[in-house]
């Protein structure tokens, strides 16, 4: 089965890598897709699995100003709080895709997130109270938990706004199999 031209190698990418239009106002750096990353993946013959945008799906396109008890709690906190069930359901949906690919012998090379994102940050995220800090975004936390429940560990790498060249090298290393979980 699946003995055609496909590579049977895929990478999971956060939604905005293929669609910057999903980003919060003021944070889009591309008119559409992050072309450099798409180019690296397509030239390597790697399938691109676009994950849903938890911020868009759970909080809407205009998602600034998440208020709880009269104060702005921020996107990360909202996704871990009142929107946590919806956010976890998205992570579970991604996990179903991962399991389906694996069942048929596909290799999941890893996950590409975006550092600084309150949902999809890998090594650091954004807190409304203290700005950019070490830690993962809400969706990445939940996706890692889902992977752990299945006894799986995938490597995660991240792009980062304004550090394109350095972060593109991390994506290339992921595709080359040089990044470990």
Protein backbone atom coordinates (compact mmCIF):
# COMPACT_ATOMS: atom_id res chain seq x y z
CA UNK A 1 0.00 0.00 0.00
CA UNK A 2 1.17 3.52 -0.83
CA UNK A 3 3.87 2.20 -3.17
CA UNK A 4 3.72 5.21 -5.47
CA UNK A 5 5.96 8.28 -5.73
CA UNK A 6 5.21 9.73 -2.31
CA UNK A 7 8.16 10.02 0.07
CA UNK A 8 6.20 8.79 3.12
CA UNK A 9 7.97 11.54 5.08
CA UNK A 10 5.92 14.34 6.60
CA UNK A 11 6.40 17.24 8.95
CA UNK A 12 3.71 18.88 11.07
CA UNK A 13 3.67 22.67 10.71
CA UNK A 14 1.75 25.27 12.60
CA UNK A 15 -1.04 26.84 10.61
CA UNK A 16 0.54 30.25 10.03
CA UNK A 17 3.60 28.83 8.26
CA UNK A 18 1.27 28.21 5.33
CA UNK A 19 -1.16 31.05 6.08
CA UNK A 20 0.01 34.26 7.73
CA UNK A 21 -3.51 35.61 7.29
CA UNK A 22 -4.46 33.64 10.42
CA UNK A 23 -2.09 35.64 12.62
CA UNK A 24 -3.17 38.27 15.13
CA UNK A 25 -3.27 41.84 13.82
CA UNK A 26 0.19 43.38 13.47
CA UNK A 27 2.09 40.07 13.49
CA UNK A 28 2.00 38.96 9.85
CA UNK A 29 5.37 39.21 8.13
CA UNK A 30 4.32 37.51 4.88
CA UNK A 31 1.33 38.10 2.62
CA UNK A 32 0.59 34.35 2.61
CA UNK A 33 2.96 31.47 3.34
CA UNK A 34 6.47 31.57 4.82
CA UNK A 35 7.98 30.83 1.43
CA UNK A 36 11.50 29.91 2.59
CA UNK A 37 10.23 27.14 4.84
CA UNK A 38 7.81 25.83 2.24
CA UNK A 39 10.65 25.78 -0.29
CA UNK A 40 12.96 23.78 2.01
CA UNK A 41 10.24 21.21 2.70
CA UNK A 42 9.06 20.82 -0.88
CA UNK A 43 12.58 20.60 -2.30
CA UNK A 44 13.32 17.80 0.21
CA UNK A 45 10.21 15.93 -0.92
CA UNK A 46 8.63 16.20 2.52
CA UNK A 47 4.85 16.30 2.89
CA UNK A 48 3.52 19.28 4.82
CA UNK A 49 0.76 18.58 7.35
CA UNK A 50 -0.83 21.89 8.33
CA UNK A 51 -2.08 21.81 11.90
CA UNK A 52 -5.10 23.95 12.83
CA UNK A 53 -4.49 27.36 14.33
CA UNK A 54 -5.61 27.07 17.97
CA UNK A 55 -5.76 30.83 18.40
CA UNK A 56 -8.03 31.27 15.37
CA UNK A 57 -10.15 28.19 16.07
CA UNK A 58 -10.60 28.81 19.80
CA UNK A 59 -10.47 32.60 20.12
CA UNK A 60 -11.20 34.04 16.67
CA UNK A 61 -9.25 36.19 14.23
CA UNK A 62 -9.55 39.31 16.43
CA UNK A 63 -8.28 37.65 19.59
CA UNK A 64 -6.57 40.48 21.43
CA UNK A 65 -7.86 41.65 24.77
CA UNK A 66 -8.80 38.36 26.47
CA UNK A 67 -10.46 39.66 29.64
CA UNK A 68 -11.05 37.67 32.84
CA UNK A 69 -12.25 39.33 36.03
CA UNK A 70 -11.56 42.76 34.59
CA UNK A 71 -7.98 42.16 33.46
CA UNK A 72 -6.30 41.13 30.22
CA UNK A 73 -5.15 37.54 30.68
CA UNK A 74 -3.55 37.05 27.26
CA UNK A 75 -3.94 34.44 24.57
CA UNK A 76 -1.80 31.73 26.20
CA UNK A 77 -3.69 31.94 29.45
CA UNK A 78 -7.06 31.88 27.63
CA UNK A 79 -6.05 28.75 25.71
CA UNK A 80 -4.99 27.07 28.96
CA UNK A 81 -8.12 28.31 30.74
CA UNK A 82 -11.60 28.78 29.31
CA UNK A 83 -10.59 27.60 25.81
CA UNK A 84 -8.57 24.59 27.00
CA UNK A 85 -11.13 21.94 26.00
CA UNK A 86 -11.32 23.26 22.44
CA UNK A 87 -7.53 23.61 22.25
CA UNK A 88 -7.00 20.07 23.55
CA UNK A 89 -9.51 18.74 21.00
CA UNK A 90 -7.37 20.29 18.24
CA UNK A 91 -4.25 18.60 19.65
CA UNK A 92 -6.13 15.30 19.78
CA UNK A 93 -7.13 15.72 16.14
CA UNK A 94 -3.49 16.22 15.16
CA UNK A 95 -2.62 13.12 17.17
CA UNK A 96 -5.18 11.09 15.20
CA UNK A 97 -3.45 12.20 11.99
CA UNK A 98 -0.03 11.24 13.40
CA UNK A 99 -1.29 7.79 14.36
CA UNK A 100 -2.85 7.28 10.93
CA UNK A 101 0.36 8.21 9.16
CA UNK A 102 2.40 5.97 11.44
CA UNK A 103 -0.01 3.06 10.98
CA UNK A 104 0.79 3.13 7.27
CA UNK A 105 4.56 3.37 7.65
CA UNK A 106 5.03 7.10 7.20
CA UNK A 107 7.86 8.82 9.03
CA UNK A 108 6.88 11.92 10.99
CA UNK A 109 10.05 14.02 10.93
CA UNK A 110 8.86 16.42 13.60
CA UNK A 111 6.92 19.56 14.38
CA UNK A 112 7.67 23.14 13.36
CA UNK A 113 6.34 25.81 15.71
CA UNK A 114 7.08 29.53 16.14
CA UNK A 115 8.88 30.82 19.21
CA UNK A 116 7.16 33.76 20.82
CA UNK A 117 3.71 32.48 19.96
CA UNK A 118 1.38 32.12 22.96
CA UNK A 119 -0.03 28.96 21.35
CA UNK A 120 2.75 27.49 19.21
CA UNK A 121 5.97 28.60 20.88
CA UNK A 122 8.41 25.72 21.33
CA UNK A 123 11.20 27.09 23.56
CA UNK A 124 9.66 30.40 24.59
CA UNK A 125 6.24 31.94 24.52
CA UNK A 126 4.43 35.20 25.22
CA UNK A 127 2.79 35.99 28.54
CA UNK A 128 0.62 39.10 28.66
CA UNK A 129 1.98 39.95 32.13
CA UNK A 130 5.71 39.55 31.43
CA UNK A 131 6.24 39.41 27.66
CA UNK A 132 8.46 36.79 26.06
CA UNK A 133 9.63 34.14 28.50
CA UNK A 134 11.04 30.59 28.37
CA UNK A 135 8.37 27.93 28.05
CA UNK A 136 6.09 26.39 25.46
CA UNK A 137 2.87 27.78 24.05
CA UNK A 138 -0.47 26.32 25.12
CA UNK A 139 -1.03 24.20 21.98
CA UNK A 140 2.53 22.84 22.01
CA UNK A 141 2.07 21.81 25.65
CA UNK A 142 -1.11 19.93 24.79
CA UNK A 143 0.33 18.32 21.67
CA UNK A 144 3.35 17.08 23.64
CA UNK A 145 0.97 15.64 26.25
CA UNK A 146 -0.97 13.81 23.53
CA UNK A 147 2.26 12.43 22.07
CA UNK A 148 3.36 11.29 25.52
CA UNK A 149 0.02 9.50 26.08
CA UNK A 150 0.75 7.50 22.93
CA UNK A 151 4.34 6.79 24.00
CA UNK A 152 5.70 8.98 21.19
CA UNK A 153 8.32 11.68 21.19
CA UNK A 154 8.87 13.87 18.14
CA UNK A 155 11.47 16.59 17.67
CA UNK A 156 10.15 20.14 17.80
CA UNK A 157 11.90 23.10 16.15
CA UNK A 158 10.72 26.66 15.86
CA UNK A 159 10.86 29.55 13.48
CA UNK A 160 10.96 32.97 15.04
CA UNK A 161 9.95 36.32 13.70
CA UNK A 162 13.00 38.39 12.70
CA UNK A 163 15.45 35.46 13.04
CA UNK A 164 14.60 33.82 9.72
CA UNK A 165 18.07 32.73 8.58
CA UNK A 166 19.10 31.03 11.83
CA UNK A 167 15.72 29.36 12.27
CA UNK A 168 15.65 28.18 8.65
CA UNK A 169 18.82 26.22 9.43
CA UNK A 170 16.93 24.44 12.22
CA UNK A 171 14.22 23.44 9.75
CA UNK A 172 16.87 22.12 7.37
CA UNK A 173 18.42 20.11 10.21
CA UNK A 174 15.01 18.65 11.07
CA UNK A 175 14.47 17.55 7.47
CA UNK A 176 17.96 16.02 7.41
CA UNK A 177 17.17 13.98 10.54
CA UNK A 178 19.72 15.87 12.65
CA UNK A 179 17.27 17.00 15.35
CA UNK A 180 16.40 14.60 18.13
CA UNK A 181 13.35 14.74 20.42
